[in-house]
PDB file of all heavy atoms in Angstrom:
ATOM      1  N   LYS A   1       0.837  -1.206   0.000  1.00  0.00           N
ATOM      2  CA  LYS A   1       0.000   0.000   0.000  1.00  0.00           C
ATOM      3  C   LYS A   1       0.867   1.249   0.000  1.00  0.00           C
ATOM      4  O   LYS A   1       0.564   2.222  -0.696  1.00  0.00           O
ATOM      5  CB  LYS A   1      -0.927   0.008   1.219  1.00  0.00           C
ATOM      6  CG  LYS A   1      -2.115  -0.896   1.129  1.00  0.00           C
ATOM      7  CD  LYS A   1      -2.887  -0.752   2.423  1.00  0.00           C
ATOM      8  CE  LYS A   1      -4.216  -1.392   2.400  1.00  0.00           C
ATOM      9  NZ  LYS A   1      -4.911  -1.222   3.694  1.00  0.00           N
ATOM     10  N   ARG A   2       1.960   1.234   0.788  1.00  0.00           N
ATOM     11  CA  ARG A   2       2.868   2.386   0.812  1.00  0.00           C
ATOM     12  C   ARG A   2       3.517   2.591  -0.560  1.00  0.00           C
ATOM     13  O   ARG A   2       3.675   3.722  -1.014  1.00  0.00           O
ATOM     14  CB  ARG A   2       3.927   2.207   1.896  1.00  0.00           C
ATOM     15  CG  ARG A   2       3.392   2.421   3.316  1.00  0.00           C
ATOM     16  CD  ARG A   2       4.492   2.488   4.349  1.00  0.00           C
ATOM     17  NE  ARG A   2       5.305   1.276   4.415  1.00  0.00           N
ATOM     18  CZ  ARG A   2       5.021   0.204   5.145  1.00  0.00           C
ATOM     19  NH1 ARG A   2       3.929   0.182   5.891  1.00  0.00           N
ATOM     20  NH2 ARG A   2       5.833  -0.831   5.157  1.00  0.00           N
ATOM     21  N   GLN A   3       3.880   1.495  -1.226  1.00  0.00           N
ATOM     22  CA  GLN A   3       4.468   1.607  -2.558  1.00  0.00           C
ATOM     23  C   GLN A   3       3.465   2.192  -3.549  1.00  0.00           C
ATOM     24  O   GLN A   3       3.821   3.032  -4.378  1.00  0.00           O
ATOM     25  CB  GLN A   3       4.962   0.243  -3.045  1.00  0.00           C
ATOM     26  CG  GLN A   3       6.203  -0.227  -2.333  1.00  0.00           C
ATOM     27  CD  GLN A   3       6.628  -1.610  -2.781  1.00  0.00           C
ATOM     28  OE1 GLN A   3       5.797  -2.467  -3.064  1.00  0.00           O
ATOM     29  NE2 GLN A   3       7.928  -1.822  -2.851  1.00  0.00           N
ATOM     30  N   ILE A   4       2.209   1.781  -3.466  1.00  0.00           N
ATOM     31  CA  ILE A   4       1.169   2.308  -4.351  1.00  0.00           C
ATOM     32  C   ILE A   4       0.986   3.801  -4.102  1.00  0.00           C
ATOM     33  O   ILE A   4       0.857   4.587  -5.036  1.00  0.00           O
ATOM     34  CB  ILE A   4      -0.159   1.532  -4.167  1.00  0.00           C
ATOM     35  CG1 ILE A   4      -0.005   0.118  -4.728  1.00  0.00           C
ATOM     36  CG2 ILE A   4      -1.322   2.272  -4.813  1.00  0.00           C
ATOM     37  CD1 ILE A   4      -1.131  -0.823  -4.374  1.00  0.00           C
ATOM     38  N   ASP A   5       1.011   4.201  -2.827  1.00  0.00           N
ATOM     39  CA  ASP A   5       0.854   5.623  -2.485  1.00  0.00           C
ATOM     40  C   ASP A   5       1.970   6.482  -3.072  1.00  0.00           C
ATOM     41  O   ASP A   5       1.784   7.680  -3.295  1.00  0.00           O
ATOM     42  CB  ASP A   5       0.805   5.819  -0.970  1.00  0.00           C
ATOM     43  CG  ASP A   5      -0.510   5.385  -0.359  1.00  0.00           C
ATOM     44  OD1 ASP A   5      -1.505   5.248  -1.113  1.00  0.00           O
ATOM     45  OD2 ASP A   5      -0.545   5.169   0.870  1.00  0.00           O
ATOM     46  N   LYS A   6       3.139   5.897  -3.337  1.00  0.00           N
ATOM     47  CA  LYS A   6       4.279   6.638  -3.880  1.00  0.00           C
ATOM     48  C   LYS A   6       4.272   6.705  -5.406  1.00  0.00           C
ATOM     49  O   LYS A   6       5.092   7.401  -5.997  1.00  0.00           O
ATOM     50  CB  LYS A   6       5.587   5.984  -3.441  1.00  0.00           C
ATOM     51  CG  LYS A   6       5.873   6.101  -1.965  1.00  0.00           C
ATOM     52  CD  LYS A   6       7.174   5.389  -1.638  1.00  0.00           C
ATOM     53  CE  LYS A   6       7.421   5.319  -0.157  1.00  0.00           C
ATOM     54  NZ  LYS A   6       8.646   4.552   0.139  1.00  0.00           N
ATOM     55  N   MET A   7       3.345   5.996  -6.042  1.00  0.00           N
ATOM     56  CA  MET A   7       3.318   5.971  -7.501  1.00  0.00           C
ATOM     57  C   MET A   7       3.012   7.365  -8.059  1.00  0.00           C
ATOM     58  O   MET A   7       2.233   8.106  -7.488  1.00  0.00           O
ATOM     59  CB  MET A   7       2.274   4.968  -7.999  1.00  0.00           C
ATOM     60  CG  MET A   7       2.640   3.538  -7.700  1.00  0.00           C
ATOM     61  SD  MET A   7       1.346   2.376  -8.182  1.00  0.00           S
ATOM     62  CE  MET A   7       1.576   2.368  -9.932  1.00  0.00           C
ATOM     63  N   THR A   8       3.641   7.668  -9.187  1.00  0.00           N
ATOM     64  CA  THR A   8       3.415   8.943  -9.858  1.00  0.00           C
ATOM     65  C   THR A   8       2.640   8.701 -11.142  1.00  0.00           C
ATOM     66  O   THR A   8       3.122   7.993 -12.032  1.00  0.00           O
ATOM     67  CB  THR A   8       4.764   9.616 -10.199  1.00  0.00           C
ATOM     68  OG1 THR A   8       5.516   9.759  -9.002  1.00  0.00           O
ATOM     69  CG2 THR A   8       4.543  10.965 -10.846  1.00  0.00           C
ATOM     70  N   PRO A   9       1.443   9.258 -11.257  1.00  0.00           N
ATOM     71  CA  PRO A   9       0.676   9.066 -12.492  1.00  0.00           C
ATOM     72  C   PRO A   9       1.396   9.700 -13.683  1.00  0.00           C
ATOM     73  O   PRO A   9       1.991  10.769 -13.565  1.00  0.00           O
ATOM     74  CB  PRO A   9      -0.646   9.773 -12.218  1.00  0.00           C
ATOM     75  CG  PRO A   9      -0.637  10.170 -10.797  1.00  0.00           C
ATOM     76  CD  PRO A   9       0.744  10.073 -10.291  1.00  0.00           C
ATOM     77  N   MET A  10       1.336   9.028 -14.791  1.00  0.00           N
ATOM     78  CA  MET A  10       1.918   9.536 -16.032  1.00  0.00           C
ATOM     79  C   MET A  10       0.936   9.269 -17.162  1.00  0.00           C
ATOM     80  O   MET A  10       0.061   8.421 -17.042  1.00  0.00           O
ATOM     81  CB  MET A  10       3.247   8.841 -16.319  1.00  0.00           C
ATOM     82  CG  MET A  10       4.300   9.074 -15.239  1.00  0.00           C
ATOM     83  SD  MET A  10       5.794   8.111 -15.483  1.00  0.00           S
ATOM     84  CE  MET A  10       6.439   8.836 -16.963  1.00  0.00           C
ATOM     85  N   ASP A  11       1.076   9.983 -18.235  1.00  0.00           N
ATOM     86  CA  ASP A  11       0.199   9.798 -19.379  1.00  0.00           C
ATOM     87  C   ASP A  11       0.756   8.684 -20.260  1.00  0.00           C
ATOM     88  O   ASP A  11       1.823   8.829 -20.851  1.00  0.00           O
ATOM     89  CB  ASP A  11       0.086  11.099 -20.166  1.00  0.00           C
ATOM     90  CG  ASP A  11      -1.104  11.100 -21.099  1.00  0.00           C
ATOM     91  OD1 ASP A  11      -2.033  10.306 -20.863  1.00  0.00           O
ATOM     92  OD2 ASP A  11      -1.100  11.885 -22.044  1.00  0.00           O
ATOM     93  N   MET A  12       0.050   7.569 -20.314  1.00  0.00           N
ATOM     94  CA  MET A  12       0.480   6.434 -21.127  1.00  0.00           C
ATOM     95  C   MET A  12       0.009   6.626 -22.566  1.00  0.00           C
ATOM     96  O   MET A  12      -1.157   6.946 -22.794  1.00  0.00           O
ATOM     97  CB  MET A  12      -0.119   5.135 -20.585  1.00  0.00           C
ATOM     98  CG  MET A  12       0.364   4.745 -19.227  1.00  0.00           C
ATOM     99  SD  MET A  12      -0.501   3.281 -18.568  1.00  0.00           S
ATOM    100  CE  MET A  12      -0.293   2.104 -19.852  1.00  0.00           C
ATOM    101  N   PRO A  13       0.888   6.406 -23.550  1.00  0.00           N
ATOM    102  CA  PRO A  13       0.464   6.528 -24.941  1.00  0.00           C
ATOM    103  C   PRO A  13      -0.334   5.316 -25.423  1.00  0.00           C
ATOM    104  O   PRO A  13      -1.127   5.423 -26.338  1.00  0.00           O
ATOM    105  CB  PRO A  13       1.776   6.667 -25.719  1.00  0.00           C
ATOM    106  CG  PRO A  13       2.797   6.030 -24.842  1.00  0.00           C
ATOM    107  CD  PRO A  13       2.325   6.210 -23.440  1.00  0.00           C
ATOM    108  N   GLU A  14      -0.124   4.160 -24.776  1.00  0.00           N
ATOM    109  CA  GLU A  14      -0.809   2.936 -25.188  1.00  0.00           C
ATOM    110  C   GLU A  14      -0.845   1.949 -24.027  1.00  0.00           C
ATOM    111  O   GLU A  14      -0.100   2.084 -23.078  1.00  0.00           O
ATOM    112  CB  GLU A  14      -0.120   2.318 -26.418  1.00  0.00           C
ATOM    113  CG  GLU A  14       1.404   2.293 -26.378  1.00  0.00           C
ATOM    114  CD  GLU A  14       2.019   1.172 -25.562  1.00  0.00           C
ATOM    115  OE1 GLU A  14       1.362   0.148 -25.336  1.00  0.00           O
ATOM    116  OE2 GLU A  14       3.170   1.323 -25.146  1.00  0.00           O
ATOM    117  N   PHE A  15      -1.724   0.960 -24.126  1.00  0.00           N
ATOM    118  CA  PHE A  15      -1.875  -0.054 -23.082  1.00  0.00           C
ATOM    119  C   PHE A  15      -1.054  -1.313 -23.357  1.00  0.00           C
ATOM    120  O   PHE A  15      -0.823  -2.109 -22.461  1.00  0.00           O
ATOM    121  CB  PHE A  15      -3.343  -0.475 -22.955  1.00  0.00           C
ATOM    122  CG  PHE A  15      -4.240   0.580 -22.367  1.00  0.00           C
ATOM    123  CD1 PHE A  15      -5.343   1.011 -23.060  1.00  0.00           C
ATOM    124  CD2 PHE A  15      -3.998   1.110 -21.120  1.00  0.00           C
ATOM    125  CE1 PHE A  15      -6.190   1.960 -22.528  1.00  0.00           C
ATOM    126  CE2 PHE A  15      -4.831   2.067 -20.567  1.00  0.00           C
ATOM    127  CZ  PHE A  15      -5.933   2.491 -21.275  1.00  0.00           C
ATOM    128  N   ASP A  16      -0.649  -1.542 -24.592  1.00  0.00           N
ATOM    129  CA  ASP A  16      -0.034  -2.819 -24.981  1.00  0.00           C
ATOM    130  C   ASP A  16       1.167  -3.206 -24.124  1.00  0.00           C
ATOM    131  O   ASP A  16       1.275  -4.352 -23.679  1.00  0.00           O
ATOM    132  CB  ASP A  16       0.376  -2.804 -26.450  1.00  0.00           C
ATOM    133  CG  ASP A  16      -0.808  -2.843 -27.388  1.00  0.00           C
ATOM    134  OD1 ASP A  16      -1.937  -2.569 -26.940  1.00  0.00           O
ATOM    135  OD2 ASP A  16      -0.610  -3.154 -28.565  1.00  0.00           O
ATOM    136  N   THR A  17       2.089  -2.275 -23.889  1.00  0.00           N
ATOM    137  CA  THR A  17       3.313  -2.601 -23.157  1.00  0.00           C
ATOM    138  C   THR A  17       3.009  -3.134 -21.762  1.00  0.00           C
ATOM    139  O   THR A  17       3.492  -4.201 -21.373  1.00  0.00           O
ATOM    140  CB  THR A  17       4.243  -1.375 -23.075  1.00  0.00           C
ATOM    141  OG1 THR A  17       4.518  -0.925 -24.401  1.00  0.00           O
ATOM    142  CG2 THR A  17       5.538  -1.708 -22.369  1.00  0.00           C
ATOM    143  N   GLY A  18       2.196  -2.409 -21.016  1.00  0.00           N
ATOM    144  CA  GLY A  18       1.852  -2.836 -19.662  1.00  0.00           C
ATOM    145  C   GLY A  18       1.073  -4.139 -19.634  1.00  0.00           C
ATOM    146  O   GLY A  18       1.313  -4.997 -18.789  1.00  0.00           O
ATOM    147  N   LEU A  19       0.130  -4.280 -20.562  1.00  0.00           N
ATOM    148  CA  LEU A  19      -0.651  -5.515 -20.611  1.00  0.00           C
ATOM    149  C   LEU A  19       0.212  -6.719 -20.968  1.00  0.00           C
ATOM    150  O   LEU A  19       0.037  -7.800 -20.412  1.00  0.00           O
ATOM    151  CB  LEU A  19      -1.804  -5.378 -21.607  1.00  0.00           C
ATOM    152  CG  LEU A  19      -2.968  -4.513 -21.143  1.00  0.00           C
ATOM    153  CD1 LEU A  19      -3.986  -4.348 -22.272  1.00  0.00           C
ATOM    154  CD2 LEU A  19      -3.631  -5.101 -19.909  1.00  0.00           C
ATOM    155  N   LYS A  20       1.160  -6.529 -21.873  1.00  0.00           N
ATOM    156  CA  LYS A  20       2.047  -7.639 -22.239  1.00  0.00           C
ATOM    157  C   LYS A  20       2.929  -8.042 -21.067  1.00  0.00           C
ATOM    158  O   LYS A  20       3.152  -9.226 -20.822  1.00  0.00           O
ATOM    159  CB  LYS A  20       2.881  -7.274 -23.463  1.00  0.00           C
ATOM    160  CG  LYS A  20       2.056  -7.283 -24.730  1.00  0.00           C
ATOM    161  CD  LYS A  20       2.856  -6.870 -25.946  1.00  0.00           C
ATOM    162  CE  LYS A  20       1.935  -6.860 -27.176  1.00  0.00           C
ATOM    163  NZ  LYS A  20       2.602  -6.352 -28.365  1.00  0.00           N
ATOM    164  N   MET A  21       3.419  -7.063 -20.323  1.00  0.00           N
ATOM    165  CA  MET A  21       4.233  -7.367 -19.147  1.00  0.00           C
ATOM    166  C   MET A  21       3.399  -8.130 -18.106  1.00  0.00           C
ATOM    167  O   MET A  21       3.867  -9.123 -17.530  1.00  0.00           O
ATOM    168  CB  MET A  21       4.774  -6.081 -18.535  1.00  0.00           C
ATOM    169  CG  MET A  21       5.824  -5.398 -19.382  1.00  0.00           C
ATOM    170  SD  MET A  21       6.266  -3.734 -18.793  1.00  0.00           S
ATOM    171  CE  MET A  21       6.909  -4.077 -17.171  1.00  0.00           C
ATOM    172  N   ALA A  22       2.186  -7.676 -17.863  1.00  0.00           N
ATOM    173  CA  ALA A  22       1.313  -8.344 -16.897  1.00  0.00           C
ATOM    174  C   ALA A  22       0.969  -9.752 -17.366  1.00  0.00           C
ATOM    175  O   ALA A  22       1.024 -10.716 -16.584  1.00  0.00           O
ATOM    176  CB  ALA A  22       0.038  -7.524 -16.700  1.00  0.00           C
ATOM    177  N   HIS A  23       0.635  -9.896 -18.638  1.00  0.00           N
ATOM    178  CA  HIS A  23       0.283 -11.210 -19.196  1.00  0.00           C
ATOM    179  C   HIS A  23       1.431 -12.202 -19.023  1.00  0.00           C
ATOM    180  O   HIS A  23       1.228 -13.349 -18.633  1.00  0.00           O
ATOM    181  CB  HIS A  23      -0.085 -11.066 -20.679  1.00  0.00           C
ATOM    182  CG  HIS A  23      -0.419 -12.353 -21.337  1.00  0.00           C
ATOM    183  ND1 HIS A  23       0.528 -13.098 -22.002  1.00  0.00           N
ATOM    184  CD2 HIS A  23      -1.579 -13.045 -21.434  1.00  0.00           C
ATOM    185  CE1 HIS A  23      -0.034 -14.191 -22.476  1.00  0.00           C
ATOM    186  NE2 HIS A  23      -1.315 -14.174 -22.141  1.00  0.00           N
ATOM    187  N   GLU A  24       2.641 -11.742 -19.294  1.00  0.00           N
ATOM    188  CA  GLU A  24       3.817 -12.614 -19.186  1.00  0.00           C
ATOM    189  C   GLU A  24       3.967 -13.166 -17.764  1.00  0.00           C
ATOM    190  O   GLU A  24       4.191 -14.361 -17.572  1.00  0.00           O
ATOM    191  CB  GLU A  24       5.066 -11.824 -19.565  1.00  0.00           C
ATOM    192  CG  GLU A  24       6.344 -12.636 -19.528  1.00  0.00           C
ATOM    193  CD  GLU A  24       7.553 -11.806 -19.917  1.00  0.00           C
ATOM    194  OE1 GLU A  24       7.505 -11.119 -20.950  1.00  0.00           O
ATOM    195  OE2 GLU A  24       8.544 -11.855 -19.165  1.00  0.00           O
ATOM    196  N   LYS A  25       3.813 -12.305 -16.772  1.00  0.00           N
ATOM    197  CA  LYS A  25       3.960 -12.739 -15.379  1.00  0.00           C
ATOM    198  C   LYS A  25       2.776 -13.579 -14.907  1.00  0.00           C
ATOM    199  O   LYS A  25       2.939 -14.574 -14.211  1.00  0.00           O
ATOM    200  CB  LYS A  25       4.131 -11.531 -14.448  1.00  0.00           C
ATOM    201  CG  LYS A  25       5.407 -10.787 -14.660  1.00  0.00           C
ATOM    202  CD  LYS A  25       6.601 -11.627 -14.263  1.00  0.00           C
ATOM    203  CE  LYS A  25       7.875 -10.832 -14.394  1.00  0.00           C
ATOM    204  NZ  LYS A  25       9.050 -11.619 -14.045  1.00  0.00           N
ATOM    205  N   LEU A  26       1.577 -13.158 -15.293  1.00  0.00           N
ATOM    206  CA  LEU A  26       0.382 -13.858 -14.812  1.00  0.00           C
ATOM    207  C   LEU A  26       0.222 -15.244 -15.413  1.00  0.00           C
ATOM    208  O   LEU A  26      -0.370 -16.126 -14.795  1.00  0.00           O
ATOM    209  CB  LEU A  26      -0.866 -13.011 -15.104  1.00  0.00           C
ATOM    210  CG  LEU A  26      -0.960 -11.697 -14.333  1.00  0.00           C
ATOM    211  CD1 LEU A  26      -2.135 -10.882 -14.843  1.00  0.00           C
ATOM    212  CD2 LEU A  26      -1.074 -11.943 -12.841  1.00  0.00           C
ATOM    213  N   THR A  27       0.731 -15.451 -16.610  1.00  0.00           N
ATOM    214  CA  THR A  27       0.574 -16.767 -17.260  1.00  0.00           C
ATOM    215  C   THR A  27       1.811 -17.648 -17.117  1.00  0.00           C
ATOM    216  O   THR A  27       1.806 -18.779 -17.595  1.00  0.00           O
ATOM    217  CB  THR A  27       0.240 -16.594 -18.755  1.00  0.00           C
ATOM    218  OG1 THR A  27       1.272 -15.840 -19.390  1.00  0.00           O
ATOM    219  CG2 THR A  27      -1.108 -15.915 -18.941  1.00  0.00           C
ATOM    220  N   ASP A  28       2.845 -17.159 -16.447  1.00  0.00           N
ATOM    221  CA  ASP A  28       4.047 -17.969 -16.235  1.00  0.00           C
ATOM    222  C   ASP A  28       3.688 -19.149 -15.330  1.00  0.00           C
ATOM    223  O   ASP A  28       3.255 -18.949 -14.193  1.00  0.00           O
ATOM    224  CB  ASP A  28       5.134 -17.109 -15.591  1.00  0.00           C
ATOM    225  CG  ASP A  28       6.466 -17.816 -15.480  1.00  0.00           C
ATOM    226  OD1 ASP A  28       6.498 -19.065 -15.443  1.00  0.00           O
ATOM    227  OD2 ASP A  28       7.490 -17.118 -15.438  1.00  0.00           O
TER     228      ASP A  28
END
């Protein structure tokens, strides 16, 4: 929770990169 509170929002140009990273870890 503390780590989430420290996150800095940024403007993402696309979703593909993050989704691919998540997919790789979640389906390992």
